[in-house]
PDB file of all heavy atoms in Angstrom:
ATOM      1  N   ALA A   1      71.436 122.450  98.338  1.00  0.00           N
ATOM      2  CA  ALA A   1      70.353 122.703  97.447  1.00  0.00           C
ATOM      3  C   ALA A   1      69.110 121.792  97.584  1.00  0.00           C
ATOM      4  O   ALA A   1      68.086 122.146  97.565  1.00  0.00           O
ATOM      5  CB  ALA A   1      70.941 122.722  96.042  1.00  0.00           C
ATOM      6  N   TYR A   2      69.550 120.519  97.747  1.00  0.00           N
ATOM      7  CA  TYR A   2      68.421 119.559  97.833  1.00  0.00           C
ATOM      8  C   TYR A   2      67.710 119.703  99.188  1.00  0.00           C
ATOM      9  O   TYR A   2      66.499 119.627  99.271  1.00  0.00           O
ATOM     10  CB  TYR A   2      68.931 118.107  97.815  1.00  0.00           C
ATOM     11  CG  TYR A   2      68.001 116.946  98.003  1.00  0.00           C
ATOM     12  CD1 TYR A   2      67.073 116.746  97.032  1.00  0.00           C
ATOM     13  CD2 TYR A   2      67.830 116.335  99.140  1.00  0.00           C
ATOM     14  CE1 TYR A   2      66.034 115.801  97.119  1.00  0.00           C
ATOM     15  CE2 TYR A   2      66.831 115.337  99.340  1.00  0.00           C
ATOM     16  CZ  TYR A   2      65.924 115.044  98.293  1.00  0.00           C
ATOM     17  OH  TYR A   2      65.029 113.994  98.510  1.00  0.00           O
ATOM     18  N   ALA A   3      68.492 119.987 100.314  1.00  0.00           N
ATOM     19  CA  ALA A   3      67.835 120.211 101.657  1.00  0.00           C
ATOM     20  C   ALA A   3      67.021 121.384 101.566  1.00  0.00           C
ATOM     21  O   ALA A   3      65.851 121.398 102.084  1.00  0.00           O
ATOM     22  CB  ALA A   3      68.922 120.355 102.629  1.00  0.00           C
ATOM     23  N   ARG A   4      67.336 122.479 100.977  1.00  0.00           N
ATOM     24  CA  ARG A   4      66.513 123.690 100.866  1.00  0.00           C
ATOM     25  C   ARG A   4      65.186 123.478 100.066  1.00  0.00           C
ATOM     26  O   ARG A   4      64.116 124.004 100.397  1.00  0.00           O
ATOM     27  CB  ARG A   4      67.313 124.807 100.365  1.00  0.00           C
ATOM     28  CG  ARG A   4      68.587 125.342 101.173  1.00  0.00           C
ATOM     29  CD  ARG A   4      68.088 126.001 102.481  1.00  0.00           C
ATOM     30  NE  ARG A   4      69.257 126.403 103.098  1.00  0.00           N
ATOM     31  CZ  ARG A   4      69.222 126.937 104.427  1.00  0.00           C
ATOM     32  NH1 ARG A   4      68.001 127.133 105.045  1.00  0.00           N
ATOM     33  NH2 ARG A   4      70.284 127.271 105.026  1.00  0.00           N
ATOM     34  N   ALA A   5      65.355 122.573  99.027  1.00  0.00           N
ATOM     35  CA  ALA A   5      64.173 122.309  98.282  1.00  0.00           C
ATOM     36  C   ALA A   5      63.234 121.412  98.906  1.00  0.00           C
ATOM     37  O   ALA A   5      61.946 121.592  98.693  1.00  0.00           O
ATOM     38  CB  ALA A   5      64.665 121.542  96.889  1.00  0.00           C
ATOM     39  N   THR A   6      63.639 120.446  99.734  1.00  0.00           N
ATOM     40  CA  THR A   6      62.790 119.528 100.313  1.00  0.00           C
ATOM     41  C   THR A   6      62.281 119.959 101.817  1.00  0.00           C
ATOM     42  O   THR A   6      61.274 119.539 102.338  1.00  0.00           O
ATOM     43  CB  THR A   6      63.330 118.246 100.654  1.00  0.00           C
ATOM     44  OG1 THR A   6      64.562 118.229 101.383  1.00  0.00           O
ATOM     45  CG2 THR A   6      63.744 117.605  99.207  1.00  0.00           C
ATOM     46  N   GLY A   7      63.141 120.883 102.459  1.00  0.00           N
ATOM     47  CA  GLY A   7      62.778 121.141 103.821  1.00  0.00           C
ATOM     48  C   GLY A   7      63.284 120.145 104.834  1.00  0.00           C
ATOM     49  O   GLY A   7      63.032 120.242 106.011  1.00  0.00           O
ATOM     50  N   TYR A   8      64.168 119.169 104.375  1.00  0.00           N
ATOM     51  CA  TYR A   8      64.801 118.243 105.343  1.00  0.00           C
ATOM     52  C   TYR A   8      66.236 118.485 105.382  1.00  0.00           C
ATOM     53  O   TYR A   8      66.899 118.504 104.355  1.00  0.00           O
ATOM     54  CB  TYR A   8      64.599 116.793 104.847  1.00  0.00           C
ATOM     55  CG  TYR A   8      63.163 116.287 104.416  1.00  0.00           C
ATOM     56  CD1 TYR A   8      62.827 115.540 103.494  1.00  0.00           C
ATOM     57  CD2 TYR A   8      62.140 116.810 105.385  1.00  0.00           C
ATOM     58  CE1 TYR A   8      61.590 115.095 103.141  1.00  0.00           C
ATOM     59  CE2 TYR A   8      60.810 116.545 104.896  1.00  0.00           C
ATOM     60  CZ  TYR A   8      60.500 115.605 103.922  1.00  0.00           C
ATOM     61  OH  TYR A   8      59.256 115.224 103.591  1.00  0.00           O
ATOM     62  N   PRO A   9      66.742 118.689 106.634  1.00  0.00           N
ATOM     63  CA  PRO A   9      68.180 119.007 106.662  1.00  0.00           C
ATOM     64  C   PRO A   9      68.966 117.783 106.260  1.00  0.00           C
ATOM     65  O   PRO A   9      68.593 116.647 106.440  1.00  0.00           O
ATOM     66  CB  PRO A   9      68.309 119.350 108.225  1.00  0.00           C
ATOM     67  CG  PRO A   9      67.141 118.667 108.892  1.00  0.00           C
ATOM     68  CD  PRO A   9      66.099 118.768 107.938  1.00  0.00           C
ATOM     69  N   VAL A  10      70.167 118.098 105.676  1.00  0.00           N
ATOM     70  CA  VAL A  10      71.183 117.050 105.275  1.00  0.00           C
ATOM     71  C   VAL A  10      71.696 116.362 106.603  1.00  0.00           C
ATOM     72  O   VAL A  10      72.053 117.159 107.581  1.00  0.00           O
ATOM     73  CB  VAL A  10      72.248 117.651 104.424  1.00  0.00           C
ATOM     74  CG1 VAL A  10      73.258 116.577 104.043  1.00  0.00           C
ATOM     75  CG2 VAL A  10      71.654 118.374 103.258  1.00  0.00           C
ATOM     76  N   GLN A  11      71.851 115.063 106.606  1.00  0.00           N
ATOM     77  CA  GLN A  11      72.665 114.390 107.643  1.00  0.00           C
ATOM     78  C   GLN A  11      73.976 114.097 107.011  1.00  0.00           C
ATOM     79  O   GLN A  11      74.176 113.206 106.249  1.00  0.00           O
ATOM     80  CB  GLN A  11      71.813 113.133 107.981  1.00  0.00           C
ATOM     81  CG  GLN A  11      70.390 113.432 108.420  1.00  0.00           C
ATOM     82  CD  GLN A  11      69.679 112.079 108.659  1.00  0.00           C
ATOM     83  OE1 GLN A  11      70.145 111.023 109.047  1.00  0.00           O
ATOM     84  NE2 GLN A  11      68.282 112.163 108.434  1.00  0.00           N
ATOM     85  N   TYR A  12      74.975 114.889 107.600  1.00  0.00           N
ATOM     86  CA  TYR A  12      76.299 114.667 107.128  1.00  0.00           C
ATOM     87  C   TYR A  12      76.974 113.585 108.094  1.00  0.00           C
ATOM     88  O   TYR A  12      76.944 113.731 109.266  1.00  0.00           O
ATOM     89  CB  TYR A  12      77.084 115.961 107.323  1.00  0.00           C
ATOM     90  CG  TYR A  12      76.672 116.896 106.327  1.00  0.00           C
ATOM     91  CD1 TYR A  12      75.936 118.129 106.628  1.00  0.00           C
ATOM     92  CD2 TYR A  12      77.023 116.906 105.019  1.00  0.00           C
ATOM     93  CE1 TYR A  12      75.492 119.053 105.765  1.00  0.00           C
ATOM     94  CE2 TYR A  12      76.701 117.875 103.971  1.00  0.00           C
ATOM     95  CZ  TYR A  12      75.855 118.890 104.415  1.00  0.00           C
ATOM     96  OH  TYR A  12      75.421 119.835 103.519  1.00  0.00           O
ATOM     97  N   GLN A  13      77.365 112.441 107.372  1.00  0.00           N
ATOM     98  CA  GLN A  13      77.879 111.361 108.148  1.00  0.00           C
ATOM     99  C   GLN A  13      79.411 111.500 108.243  1.00  0.00           C
ATOM    100  O   GLN A  13      80.115 111.661 107.171  1.00  0.00           O
ATOM    101  CB  GLN A  13      77.496 110.068 107.380  1.00  0.00           C
ATOM    102  CG  GLN A  13      75.993 109.840 107.174  1.00  0.00           C
ATOM    103  CD  GLN A  13      75.147 109.811 108.419  1.00  0.00           C
ATOM    104  OE1 GLN A  13      74.597 110.808 108.860  1.00  0.00           O
ATOM    105  NE2 GLN A  13      75.168 108.635 109.013  1.00  0.00           N
ATOM    106  N   TRP A  14      79.916 111.301 109.436  1.00  0.00           N
ATOM    107  CA  TRP A  14      81.335 111.438 109.651  1.00  0.00           C
ATOM    108  C   TRP A  14      81.753 110.258 110.543  1.00  0.00           C
ATOM    109  O   TRP A  14      81.509 110.296 111.836  1.00  0.00           O
ATOM    110  CB  TRP A  14      81.619 112.770 110.262  1.00  0.00           C
ATOM    111  CG  TRP A  14      83.073 113.156 110.298  1.00  0.00           C
ATOM    112  CD1 TRP A  14      84.028 112.530 111.137  1.00  0.00           C
ATOM    113  CD2 TRP A  14      83.698 114.140 109.619  1.00  0.00           C
ATOM    114  NE1 TRP A  14      85.282 113.240 111.027  1.00  0.00           N
ATOM    115  CE2 TRP A  14      85.146 114.173 109.961  1.00  0.00           C
ATOM    116  CE3 TRP A  14      83.313 115.123 108.591  1.00  0.00           C
ATOM    117  CZ2 TRP A  14      86.017 115.073 109.566  1.00  0.00           C
ATOM    118  CZ3 TRP A  14      84.323 116.026 108.124  1.00  0.00           C
ATOM    119  CH2 TRP A  14      85.595 116.022 108.695  1.00  0.00           C
ATOM    120  N   THR A  15      82.517 109.252 110.040  1.00  0.00           N
ATOM    121  CA  THR A  15      82.915 108.202 110.759  1.00  0.00           C
ATOM    122  C   THR A  15      84.226 108.680 111.521  1.00  0.00           C
ATOM    123  O   THR A  15      85.256 108.915 110.681  1.00  0.00           O
ATOM    124  CB  THR A  15      83.132 106.975 109.874  1.00  0.00           C
ATOM    125  OG1 THR A  15      81.927 106.575 109.389  1.00  0.00           O
ATOM    126  CG2 THR A  15      83.762 105.754 110.673  1.00  0.00           C
ATOM    127  N   LEU A  16      84.330 108.607 112.722  1.00  0.00           N
ATOM    128  CA  LEU A  16      85.496 109.069 113.356  1.00  0.00           C
ATOM    129  C   LEU A  16      86.450 107.937 113.401  1.00  0.00           C
ATOM    130  O   LEU A  16      86.284 107.036 114.035  1.00  0.00           O
ATOM    131  CB  LEU A  16      85.058 109.481 114.850  1.00  0.00           C
ATOM    132  CG  LEU A  16      84.540 110.992 115.003  1.00  0.00           C
ATOM    133  CD1 LEU A  16      83.958 111.052 116.425  1.00  0.00           C
ATOM    134  CD2 LEU A  16      85.553 111.996 114.654  1.00  0.00           C
ATOM    135  N   LEU A  17      87.754 108.215 112.837  1.00  0.00           N
ATOM    136  CA  LEU A  17      88.747 107.403 112.779  1.00  0.00           C
ATOM    137  C   LEU A  17      89.906 107.948 113.651  1.00  0.00           C
ATOM    138  O   LEU A  17      90.329 109.108 113.256  1.00  0.00           O
ATOM    139  CB  LEU A  17      89.225 107.265 111.309  1.00  0.00           C
ATOM    140  CG  LEU A  17      88.095 106.600 110.350  1.00  0.00           C
ATOM    141  CD1 LEU A  17      88.621 106.792 108.871  1.00  0.00           C
ATOM    142  CD2 LEU A  17      87.652 105.311 110.579  1.00  0.00           C
ATOM    143  N   ASP A  18      90.382 107.304 114.605  1.00  0.00           N
ATOM    144  CA  ASP A  18      91.310 107.780 115.543  1.00  0.00           C
ATOM    145  C   ASP A  18      92.596 108.194 114.808  1.00  0.00           C
ATOM    146  O   ASP A  18      93.294 107.297 114.052  1.00  0.00           O
ATOM    147  CB  ASP A  18      91.609 106.809 116.615  1.00  0.00           C
ATOM    148  CG  ASP A  18      92.471 107.335 117.836  1.00  0.00           C
ATOM    149  OD1 ASP A  18      92.320 108.543 118.026  1.00  0.00           O
ATOM    150  OD2 ASP A  18      93.308 106.684 118.322  1.00  0.00           O
ATOM    151  N   GLY A  19      92.981 109.384 114.944  1.00  0.00           N
ATOM    152  CA  GLY A  19      94.296 109.847 114.324  1.00  0.00           C
ATOM    153  C   GLY A  19      94.246 110.127 112.763  1.00  0.00           C
ATOM    154  O   GLY A  19      95.234 110.443 112.239  1.00  0.00           O
ATOM    155  N   VAL A  20      93.001 110.053 112.202  1.00  0.00           N
ATOM    156  CA  VAL A  20      92.951 110.279 110.786  1.00  0.00           C
ATOM    157  C   VAL A  20      92.123 111.455 110.490  1.00  0.00           C
ATOM    158  O   VAL A  20      92.534 112.311 109.751  1.00  0.00           O
ATOM    159  CB  VAL A  20      92.250 108.989 110.087  1.00  0.00           C
ATOM    160  CG1 VAL A  20      92.092 109.240 108.666  1.00  0.00           C
ATOM    161  CG2 VAL A  20      93.262 107.823 110.254  1.00  0.00           C
ATOM    162  N   ASN A  21      90.869 111.436 111.061  1.00  0.00           N
ATOM    163  CA  ASN A  21      90.061 112.575 110.690  1.00  0.00           C
ATOM    164  C   ASN A  21      89.374 113.326 111.991  1.00  0.00           C
ATOM    165  O   ASN A  21      88.316 113.697 111.925  1.00  0.00           O
ATOM    166  CB  ASN A  21      88.966 112.192 109.696  1.00  0.00           C
ATOM    167  CG  ASN A  21      88.093 111.194 110.323  1.00  0.00           C
ATOM    168  OD1 ASN A  21      88.291 110.625 111.402  1.00  0.00           O
ATOM    169  ND2 ASN A  21      86.960 110.756 109.546  1.00  0.00           N
ATOM    170  N   ASP A  22      90.095 113.288 113.027  1.00  0.00           N
ATOM    171  CA  ASP A  22      89.528 113.725 114.219  1.00  0.00           C
ATOM    172  C   ASP A  22      90.461 114.925 114.885  1.00  0.00           C
ATOM    173  O   ASP A  22      90.423 115.044 116.177  1.00  0.00           O
ATOM    174  CB  ASP A  22      89.376 112.521 115.178  1.00  0.00           C
ATOM    175  CG  ASP A  22      90.592 111.812 115.572  1.00  0.00           C
ATOM    176  OD1 ASP A  22      91.703 112.034 114.887  1.00  0.00           O
ATOM    177  OD2 ASP A  22      90.569 110.823 116.403  1.00  0.00           O
ATOM    178  N   GLY A  23      91.362 115.520 114.079  1.00  0.00           N
ATOM    179  CA  GLY A  23      92.247 116.335 114.472  1.00  0.00           C
ATOM    180  C   GLY A  23      91.742 117.878 114.488  1.00  0.00           C
ATOM    181  O   GLY A  23      90.614 118.143 114.111  1.00  0.00           O
ATOM    182  N   ASP A  24      92.457 118.833 115.123  1.00  0.00           N
ATOM    183  CA  ASP A  24      92.075 120.122 115.088  1.00  0.00           C
ATOM    184  C   ASP A  24      91.827 120.827 113.685  1.00  0.00           C
ATOM    185  O   ASP A  24      90.983 121.558 113.499  1.00  0.00           O
ATOM    186  CB  ASP A  24      93.014 120.914 115.856  1.00  0.00           C
ATOM    187  CG  ASP A  24      93.205 120.726 117.341  1.00  0.00           C
ATOM    188  OD1 ASP A  24      92.190 120.151 117.796  1.00  0.00           O
ATOM    189  OD2 ASP A  24      94.079 121.108 118.022  1.00  0.00           O
ATOM    190  N   ASP A  25      92.670 120.282 112.694  1.00  0.00           N
ATOM    191  CA  ASP A  25      92.577 120.718 111.376  1.00  0.00           C
ATOM    192  C   ASP A  25      91.186 120.444 110.812  1.00  0.00           C
ATOM    193  O   ASP A  25      90.610 121.196 110.085  1.00  0.00           O
ATOM    194  CB  ASP A  25      93.679 120.332 110.549  1.00  0.00           C
ATOM    195  CG  ASP A  25      93.749 118.767 110.571  1.00  0.00           C
ATOM    196  OD1 ASP A  25      93.191 118.082 111.414  1.00  0.00           O
ATOM    197  OD2 ASP A  25      94.594 118.122 109.754  1.00  0.00           O
ATOM    198  N   GLU A  26      90.624 119.270 111.107  1.00  0.00           N
ATOM    199  CA  GLU A  26      89.475 118.763 110.612  1.00  0.00           C
ATOM    200  C   GLU A  26      88.309 119.622 111.245  1.00  0.00           C
ATOM    201  O   GLU A  26      87.295 119.950 110.605  1.00  0.00           O
ATOM    202  CB  GLU A  26      89.204 117.296 110.797  1.00  0.00           C
ATOM    203  CG  GLU A  26      90.058 116.400 109.850  1.00  0.00           C
ATOM    204  CD  GLU A  26      89.506 116.379 108.467  1.00  0.00           C
ATOM    205  OE1 GLU A  26      88.831 117.318 107.983  1.00  0.00           O
ATOM    206  OE2 GLU A  26      89.783 115.355 107.813  1.00  0.00           O
ATOM    207  N   ILE A  27      88.401 119.860 112.555  1.00  0.00           N
ATOM    208  CA  ILE A  27      87.366 120.581 113.276  1.00  0.00           C
ATOM    209  C   ILE A  27      87.360 121.984 112.675  1.00  0.00           C
ATOM    210  O   ILE A  27      86.165 122.421 112.391  1.00  0.00           O
ATOM    211  CB  ILE A  27      87.735 120.667 114.715  1.00  0.00           C
ATOM    212  CG1 ILE A  27      87.628 119.278 115.353  1.00  0.00           C
ATOM    213  CG2 ILE A  27      86.803 121.615 115.459  1.00  0.00           C
ATOM    214  CD1 ILE A  27      88.109 119.199 116.853  1.00  0.00           C
ATOM    215  N   ASP A  28      88.445 122.626 112.459  1.00  0.00           N
ATOM    216  CA  ASP A  28      88.404 123.962 111.818  1.00  0.00           C
ATOM    217  C   ASP A  28      87.745 123.831 110.293  1.00  0.00           C
ATOM    218  O   ASP A  28      86.981 124.727 110.049  1.00  0.00           O
ATOM    219  CB  ASP A  28      89.801 124.522 111.652  1.00  0.00           C
ATOM    220  CG  ASP A  28      90.425 124.681 113.095  1.00  0.00           C
ATOM    221  OD1 ASP A  28      89.655 124.938 113.991  1.00  0.00           O
ATOM    222  OD2 ASP A  28      91.678 124.869 113.094  1.00  0.00           O
ATOM    223  N   GLY A  29      88.044 122.805 109.648  1.00  0.00           N
ATOM    224  CA  GLY A  29      87.522 122.565 108.327  1.00  0.00           C
ATOM    225  C   GLY A  29      86.038 122.420 108.326  1.00  0.00           C
ATOM    226  O   GLY A  29      85.230 122.945 107.535  1.00  0.00           O
ATOM    227  N   ILE A  30      85.612 121.654 109.292  1.00  0.00           N
ATOM    228  CA  ILE A  30      84.127 121.391 109.456  1.00  0.00           C
ATOM    229  C   ILE A  30      83.385 122.762 109.796  1.00  0.00           C
ATOM    230  O   ILE A  30      82.330 123.004 109.135  1.00  0.00           O
ATOM    231  CB  ILE A  30      83.779 120.456 110.532  1.00  0.00           C
ATOM    232  CG1 ILE A  30      84.246 119.067 110.163  1.00  0.00           C
ATOM    233  CG2 ILE A  30      82.318 120.458 111.031  1.00  0.00           C
ATOM    234  CD1 ILE A  30      84.336 118.084 111.261  1.00  0.00           C
TER     235      ILE A  30
END
């Protein structure tokens, strides 16, 4: 909602942690 109001795309930050949030399930979720 904020991005659409300002015209600036959101920068989603994702710190890649090996074996924690870099699996196929997270890719599908993204």
